[in-house]
Amino acid sequence: MRVDAFDFDLPSERIALRPARPRDAARMLVVEGGAISDRGVRDLPSLLRAGDCLVFNDTRVIPAQLDGRRGAAKIGATLHKRIDLRRWQAFVRNAKRLRVGETVDFGSGVAALAEDRLADGSFVLAFVGDEPVELLLERAGTMPLPPYIAGKRPTDADDRRDYQTMFAKEDGAVAAPTAALHFTPELLAALAAAGVKSETLTLHVGAGTFLPVKADDTDDHVMHAEWGRIDASTAERLNAVRAAGGRVIPVGTTSLRLLESAAGDDGVIAPFAGDTAIFITPGYRFKAIDGLMTNFHLPKSTLFMLVSALMGLDVMQAAYAHAIAHDYRFYSYGDASLLLP
């Protein structure tokens, strides 16, 4: 499909620069079939059925944004995907000033060698020394806020808390699974009281989620791989939910993409551990999920293509037009949508 088909006009004032407080006070646009209604995240227990299951991503965002120097040149790096204990694939700003074999000084005693340059223009950075890379990032890194937020205000101490979900425990993401930012212990308790189950999986979200689609046709776009895991017991419980007539509803596109990567053509979710580069566009046949809770996405992004595949492009264009007209807050710190085909 033409990428232009997924474009829409979004006023800049609709982009949320801070999250709702408390988190579950955010608004939520419910799209069920072709019907649209204005609700709130706290309405979720009454919108789902007993026996349904929400699936959360328990990845934890690391301070993966680094700014440093190679000689007199300023070099920025956003870590994307871990290769091993000391090496990361990274997208580099001012990359023309960095060559393979040169070292970038990120300050605070943190440095990395540009070990290789990959076909997509990213670098393999090998961190110098013996200290765990996690400790180095805590010293020198900042939270990797999306460009549409970071371009309007500096990252601050609040973002260390705000850009992390209540489920975060597995270090490795460089972007938050932002739909789950809306959840609080109180909301989770209310869902459990209504008979709604919850499960977790792990997908380490990479910096590729921030990259624009540069191709003119969706067939020409290449997704960056991300690492994920669903253990055997989780897969078994999720299959039991659907077998009993419940719905599996991922919270966030990251959870959805991993579930679909793990499912066979028969809809059965298998244990999974490895990379996925699944790219979901209209025409895709969903196998493992029955709905989606997600935030509002960028025009012409792979994520808007995904929700259009789930609900229909015309439906999502109408839903987003409604959201813009009714002052919903967009993107990572914005409001939510509940999509039920």
Protein backbone atom coordinates (compact mmCIF):
# COMPACT_ATOMS: atom_id res chain seq x y z
CA MET A 1 0.00 0.00 0.00
CA ARG A 2 1.00 3.60 -0.47
CA VAL A 3 2.42 5.04 2.77
CA ASP A 4 0.57 8.30 2.03
CA ALA A 5 -2.70 6.47 2.70
CA PHE A 6 -1.79 6.49 6.41
CA ASP A 7 -1.21 10.24 6.64
CA PHE A 8 -3.33 12.69 8.65
CA ASP A 9 -2.98 16.23 9.94
CA LEU A 10 -2.18 16.55 13.64
CA PRO A 11 -1.94 19.98 15.31
CA SER A 12 1.26 20.19 17.37
CA GLU A 13 -0.70 21.23 20.46
CA ARG A 14 -2.27 17.76 20.57
CA ILE A 15 1.13 16.19 21.41
CA ALA A 16 1.32 15.47 25.16
CA LEU A 17 4.56 16.60 26.80
CA ARG A 18 3.68 15.19 30.23
CA PRO A 19 1.51 12.21 31.26
CA ALA A 20 -1.86 12.43 32.99
CA ARG A 21 -1.67 12.49 36.78
CA PRO A 22 -2.65 10.15 38.25
CA ARG A 23 -1.82 7.80 35.41
CA ASP A 24 -5.26 6.21 35.17
CA ALA A 25 -6.95 9.62 34.85
CA ALA A 26 -6.23 9.64 31.11
CA ARG A 27 -9.09 9.65 28.61
CA MET A 28 -9.77 6.63 26.42
CA LEU A 29 -11.39 6.50 23.00
CA VAL A 30 -13.29 3.25 22.55
CA VAL A 31 -13.64 1.99 18.99
CA GLU A 32 -15.86 -1.09 18.80
CA GLY A 33 -16.51 -2.20 15.26
CA GLY A 34 -17.27 1.14 13.62
CA ALA A 35 -18.75 2.78 16.73
CA ILE A 36 -16.77 5.44 18.60
CA SER A 37 -17.33 6.54 22.21
CA ASP A 38 -15.51 8.80 24.66
CA ARG A 39 -14.56 7.10 27.92
CA GLY A 40 -11.73 7.07 30.45
CA VAL A 41 -9.03 4.55 31.32
CA ARG A 42 -10.76 3.98 34.67
CA ASP A 43 -13.80 2.67 32.76
CA LEU A 44 -11.79 -0.34 31.56
CA PRO A 45 -13.20 -2.84 34.11
CA SER A 46 -16.74 -2.15 32.84
CA LEU A 47 -15.71 -2.33 29.17
CA LEU A 48 -14.12 -5.78 29.38
CA ARG A 49 -15.72 -9.11 30.24
CA ALA A 50 -14.97 -11.56 33.03
CA GLY A 51 -12.57 -14.10 31.54
CA ASP A 52 -10.82 -11.60 29.24
CA CYS A 53 -7.06 -11.24 29.65
CA LEU A 54 -4.89 -8.14 29.31
CA VAL A 55 -1.30 -8.82 28.25
CA PHE A 56 1.41 -6.42 29.43
CA ASN A 57 5.04 -5.98 28.40
CA ASP A 58 7.36 -6.09 31.42
CA THR A 59 10.39 -4.62 29.68
CA ARG A 60 12.20 -1.86 31.57
CA VAL A 61 13.50 1.25 29.81
CA ILE A 62 17.21 1.87 30.31
CA PRO A 63 18.94 5.30 30.03
CA ALA A 64 19.89 4.57 26.44
CA GLN A 65 20.42 8.11 25.13
CA LEU A 66 24.09 9.16 25.16
CA ASP A 67 25.83 12.39 24.19
CA GLY A 68 29.58 12.57 23.79
CA ARG A 69 32.55 13.62 21.71
CA ARG A 70 34.98 12.10 19.28
CA GLY A 71 37.71 14.70 19.35
CA ALA A 72 36.05 18.05 18.65
CA ALA A 73 32.97 16.45 17.05
CA LYS A 74 29.74 16.07 19.01
CA ILE A 75 28.38 12.53 18.71
CA GLY A 76 24.98 11.34 19.94
CA ALA A 77 23.94 7.71 20.23
CA THR A 78 20.64 5.99 20.88
CA LEU A 79 21.12 2.35 21.78
CA HIS A 80 18.79 0.06 19.84
CA LYS A 81 19.48 -3.63 20.45
CA ARG A 82 21.86 -5.49 22.70
CA ILE A 83 24.33 -7.80 20.95
CA ASP A 84 26.18 -9.18 23.99
CA LEU A 85 27.35 -8.08 27.44
CA ARG A 86 29.40 -5.12 26.15
CA ARG A 87 28.18 -4.43 22.63
CA TRP A 88 25.05 -2.64 21.40
CA GLN A 89 23.70 -1.73 18.00
CA ALA A 90 23.13 2.04 18.08
CA PHE A 91 21.78 4.80 15.87
CA VAL A 92 24.32 7.62 15.80
CA ARG A 93 23.75 11.33 15.29
CA ASN A 94 26.47 13.19 13.37
CA ALA A 95 27.54 9.77 12.09
CA LYS A 96 29.60 11.32 9.29
CA ARG A 97 32.11 12.38 11.96
CA LEU A 98 32.58 8.87 13.31
CA ARG A 99 34.58 6.08 11.70
CA VAL A 100 35.03 2.43 12.58
CA GLY A 101 37.91 2.08 15.04
CA GLU A 102 37.35 5.46 16.72
CA THR A 103 36.26 5.90 20.34
CA VAL A 104 33.48 8.17 21.59
CA ASP A 105 33.85 9.71 25.07
CA PHE A 106 30.43 9.99 26.70
CA GLY A 107 31.75 11.56 29.92
CA SER A 108 31.58 10.25 33.50
CA GLY A 109 34.25 7.70 32.64
CA VAL A 110 32.11 6.11 29.92
CA ALA A 111 33.49 5.45 26.44
CA ALA A 112 32.65 3.15 23.55
CA LEU A 113 34.56 1.96 20.49
CA ALA A 114 32.85 2.16 17.10
CA GLU A 115 33.54 -1.47 16.23
CA ASP A 116 31.54 -1.80 13.01
CA ARG A 117 29.08 0.03 10.78
CA LEU A 118 26.09 -1.97 9.61
CA ALA A 119 24.28 -1.88 6.28
CA ASP A 120 21.46 0.30 7.66
CA GLY A 121 23.94 2.98 8.80
CA SER A 122 23.83 2.07 12.49
CA PHE A 123 26.99 1.30 14.46
CA VAL A 124 28.11 -1.50 16.72
CA LEU A 125 29.38 0.22 19.88
CA ALA A 126 31.62 -1.76 22.25
CA PHE A 127 31.77 -0.19 25.72
CA VAL A 128 35.26 0.16 27.15
CA GLY A 129 36.32 -1.36 30.49
CA ASP A 130 35.01 -4.04 32.80
CA GLU A 131 32.13 -2.32 34.61
CA PRO A 132 28.69 -3.64 33.66
CA VAL A 133 27.20 -1.56 30.87
CA GLU A 134 24.06 -1.05 32.97
CA LEU A 135 26.13 0.90 35.53
CA LEU A 136 27.79 2.94 32.79
CA LEU A 137 24.41 3.91 31.36
CA GLU A 138 23.09 4.93 34.77
CA ARG A 139 26.04 7.35 35.01
CA ALA A 140 26.14 8.78 31.51
CA GLY A 141 22.78 8.03 29.87
CA THR A 142 19.41 9.76 29.85
CA MET A 143 15.94 8.40 29.22
CA PRO A 144 15.38 8.16 25.46
CA LEU A 145 12.21 10.22 25.11
CA PRO A 146 10.64 10.20 21.64
CA PRO A 147 11.90 13.00 19.38
CA TYR A 148 8.49 14.71 19.33
CA ILE A 149 8.80 15.24 23.11
CA ALA A 150 12.58 15.66 23.41
CA GLY A 151 12.50 18.30 20.67
CA LYS A 152 10.17 20.48 22.74
CA ARG A 153 11.65 20.19 26.24
CA PRO A 154 14.68 18.67 27.96
CA THR A 155 14.54 15.30 29.66
CA ASP A 156 14.37 15.71 33.45
CA ALA A 157 14.21 13.71 36.67
CA ASP A 158 10.44 13.22 36.36
CA ASP A 159 10.93 11.26 33.14
CA ARG A 160 12.91 8.57 34.99
CA ARG A 161 9.65 7.76 36.78
CA ASP A 162 7.06 8.80 34.20
CA TYR A 163 8.57 6.89 31.25
CA GLN A 164 8.46 3.54 33.08
CA THR A 165 5.42 1.29 33.50
CA MET A 166 4.39 -0.32 36.79
CA PHE A 167 5.21 -3.71 35.20
CA ALA A 168 8.82 -2.84 34.27
CA LYS A 169 11.35 -5.37 35.54
CA GLU A 170 13.38 -6.76 32.60
CA ASP A 171 16.14 -4.29 31.61
CA GLY A 172 16.62 -3.74 27.90
CA ALA A 173 14.10 -1.40 26.27
CA VAL A 174 15.03 1.95 24.78
CA ALA A 175 11.39 3.01 24.48
CA ALA A 176 8.51 2.41 26.86
CA PRO A 177 5.50 0.21 26.02
CA THR A 178 3.49 3.36 26.55
CA ALA A 179 -0.08 2.01 26.64
CA ALA A 180 0.77 0.42 29.99
CA LEU A 181 1.82 3.80 31.43
CA HIS A 182 -1.90 4.32 32.17
CA PHE A 183 -2.07 1.51 34.72
CA THR A 184 -1.96 1.83 38.50
CA PRO A 185 -2.22 -0.80 41.26
CA GLU A 186 -5.74 0.47 41.96
CA LEU A 187 -6.85 -0.01 38.35
CA LEU A 188 -5.29 -3.47 38.21
CA ALA A 189 -7.16 -4.42 41.41
CA ALA A 190 -10.44 -3.17 39.93
CA LEU A 191 -9.85 -5.25 36.80
CA ALA A 192 -9.12 -8.35 38.85
CA ALA A 193 -12.31 -7.77 40.87
CA ALA A 194 -14.23 -7.68 37.57
CA GLY A 195 -12.78 -11.05 36.60
CA VAL A 196 -10.28 -9.70 34.05
CA LYS A 197 -7.02 -11.65 34.03
CA SER A 198 -3.55 -10.28 33.33
CA GLU A 199 -0.34 -11.79 31.97
CA THR A 200 3.10 -10.45 31.09
CA LEU A 201 5.62 -11.09 28.35
CA THR A 202 8.88 -9.35 27.44
CA LEU A 203 9.69 -7.42 24.28
CA HIS A 204 12.69 -5.10 24.46
CA VAL A 205 11.48 -2.14 22.41
CA GLY A 206 14.22 -0.78 20.14
CA ALA A 207 15.00 2.69 18.86
CA GLY A 208 13.63 1.65 15.48
CA THR A 209 10.19 2.50 16.86
CA PHE A 210 11.15 6.19 16.57
CA LEU A 211 12.31 5.97 12.96
CA PRO A 212 10.05 7.36 10.22
CA VAL A 213 8.92 5.25 7.29
CA LYS A 214 10.96 6.61 4.37
CA ALA A 215 9.65 4.28 1.69
CA ASP A 216 6.74 5.31 -0.56
CA ASP A 217 5.19 1.84 -0.41
CA THR A 218 4.78 -0.40 2.63
CA ASP A 219 6.30 -3.32 0.69
CA ASP A 220 9.62 -1.46 0.63
CA HIS A 221 9.89 -0.74 4.37
CA VAL A 222 12.22 -2.91 6.47
CA MET A 223 11.50 -3.28 10.20
CA HIS A 224 14.33 -3.44 12.74
CA ALA A 225 14.40 -6.63 14.80
CA GLU A 226 13.62 -6.61 18.53
CA TRP A 227 14.13 -9.39 21.07
CA GLY A 228 11.19 -10.94 22.90
CA ARG A 229 10.18 -13.84 25.12
CA ILE A 230 6.97 -15.67 26.06
CA ASP A 231 7.53 -18.55 28.45
CA ALA A 232 5.71 -21.86 28.18
CA SER A 233 3.42 -21.36 31.18
CA THR A 234 2.30 -17.93 29.96
CA ALA A 235 1.58 -19.30 26.50
CA GLU A 236 -0.44 -22.14 28.04
CA ARG A 237 -2.55 -19.76 30.14
CA LEU A 238 -3.22 -17.45 27.19
CA ASN A 239 -4.37 -20.36 25.05
CA ALA A 240 -6.66 -21.44 27.89
CA VAL A 241 -8.26 -17.97 27.97
CA ARG A 242 -9.33 -18.22 24.34
CA ALA A 243 -10.35 -21.85 24.69
CA ALA A 244 -12.73 -20.78 27.48
CA GLY A 245 -14.25 -18.03 25.33
CA GLY A 246 -12.28 -15.11 26.77
CA ARG A 247 -10.51 -12.45 24.73
CA VAL A 248 -6.75 -11.88 24.66
CA ILE A 249 -6.21 -8.12 24.54
CA PRO A 250 -2.62 -6.89 24.45
CA VAL A 251 -1.82 -3.59 26.13
CA GLY A 252 0.36 -1.89 23.54
CA THR A 253 1.52 -2.71 20.05
CA THR A 254 4.70 -4.30 21.44
CA SER A 255 2.71 -7.01 23.24
CA LEU A 256 0.54 -7.50 20.15
CA ARG A 257 3.52 -7.92 17.82
CA LEU A 258 5.15 -10.52 20.04
CA LEU A 259 1.92 -12.49 20.48
CA GLU A 260 1.40 -12.55 16.72
CA SER A 261 5.04 -13.60 16.20
CA ALA A 262 4.57 -16.51 18.59
CA ALA A 263 1.25 -17.77 17.20
CA GLY A 264 0.79 -20.43 14.59
CA ASP A 265 -1.74 -20.28 11.77
CA ASP A 266 -4.13 -22.18 14.03
CA GLY A 267 -4.04 -19.28 16.54
CA VAL A 268 -2.21 -21.27 19.19
CA ILE A 269 0.45 -19.25 21.01
CA ALA A 270 3.74 -21.14 21.39
CA PRO A 271 6.64 -20.36 23.73
CA PHE A 272 8.94 -17.84 22.05
CA ALA A 273 12.45 -16.50 22.66
CA GLY A 274 14.26 -14.61 19.94
CA ASP A 275 14.08 -11.74 17.49
CA THR A 276 10.98 -10.53 15.72
CA ALA A 277 10.71 -8.02 12.90
CA ILE A 278 7.01 -8.58 12.19
CA PHE A 279 5.44 -5.76 10.14
CA ILE A 280 1.64 -5.66 10.26
CA THR A 281 -0.28 -3.76 7.57
CA PRO A 282 -3.85 -3.96 6.24
CA GLY A 283 -4.54 -7.40 4.83
CA TYR A 284 -2.80 -9.16 7.71
CA ARG A 285 -4.84 -11.93 9.35
CA PHE A 286 -4.61 -11.70 13.14
CA LYS A 287 -4.11 -15.05 14.84
CA ALA A 288 -3.60 -14.56 18.58
CA ILE A 289 -5.43 -11.43 19.71
CA ASP A 290 -8.99 -10.15 19.97
CA GLY A 291 -8.47 -6.43 20.54
CA LEU A 292 -5.87 -3.87 21.54
CA MET A 293 -5.38 -1.08 24.05
CA THR A 294 -2.92 1.46 22.67
CA ASN A 295 -2.05 5.15 22.58
CA PHE A 296 -2.43 7.41 19.51
CA HIS A 297 0.29 7.06 16.89
CA LEU A 298 2.26 9.16 14.41
CA PRO A 299 0.97 9.79 10.88
CA LYS A 300 2.44 7.35 8.33
CA SER A 301 3.99 5.26 11.13
CA THR A 302 4.18 1.46 11.23
CA LEU A 303 2.01 1.59 14.37
CA PHE A 304 -0.81 3.50 12.67
CA MET A 305 -0.57 0.90 9.90
CA LEU A 306 -0.93 -1.82 12.55
CA VAL A 307 -4.10 -0.37 14.12
CA SER A 308 -5.50 0.17 10.62
CA ALA A 309 -4.88 -3.51 9.89
CA LEU A 310 -6.82 -4.42 13.03
CA MET A 311 -9.79 -2.06 12.64
CA GLY A 312 -9.77 -0.91 9.00
CA LEU A 313 -8.10 2.21 7.63
CA ASP A 314 -11.37 4.12 7.18
CA VAL A 315 -12.41 3.37 10.77
CA MET A 316 -9.07 4.51 12.17
CA GLN A 317 -8.99 7.68 10.06
CA ALA A 318 -12.44 8.54 11.42
CA ALA A 319 -11.41 7.65 15.00
CA TYR A 320 -8.30 9.82 14.84
CA ALA A 321 -10.25 12.71 13.32
CA HIS A 322 -12.69 12.42 16.25
CA ALA A 323 -9.81 12.30 18.74
CA ILE A 324 -8.21 15.43 17.27
CA ALA A 325 -11.52 17.32 17.17
CA HIS A 326 -12.24 16.38 20.81
CA ASP A 327 -8.81 17.35 22.17
CA TYR A 328 -7.38 13.94 22.95
CA ARG A 329 -3.70 13.98 23.86
CA PHE A 330 -1.44 12.10 21.45
CA TYR A 331 1.63 9.85 21.55
CA SER A 332 3.72 8.37 24.34
CA TYR A 333 2.45 10.54 27.21
CA GLY A 334 -1.01 10.94 25.70
CA ASP A 335 -4.43 9.36 26.09
CA ALA A 336 -5.44 5.79 25.26
CA SER A 337 -7.67 3.98 22.81
CA LEU A 338 -9.40 0.61 23.19
CA LEU A 339 -9.83 -1.09 19.84
CA LEU A 340 -12.30 -3.99 19.62
CA PRO A 341 -12.88 -5.33 16.09
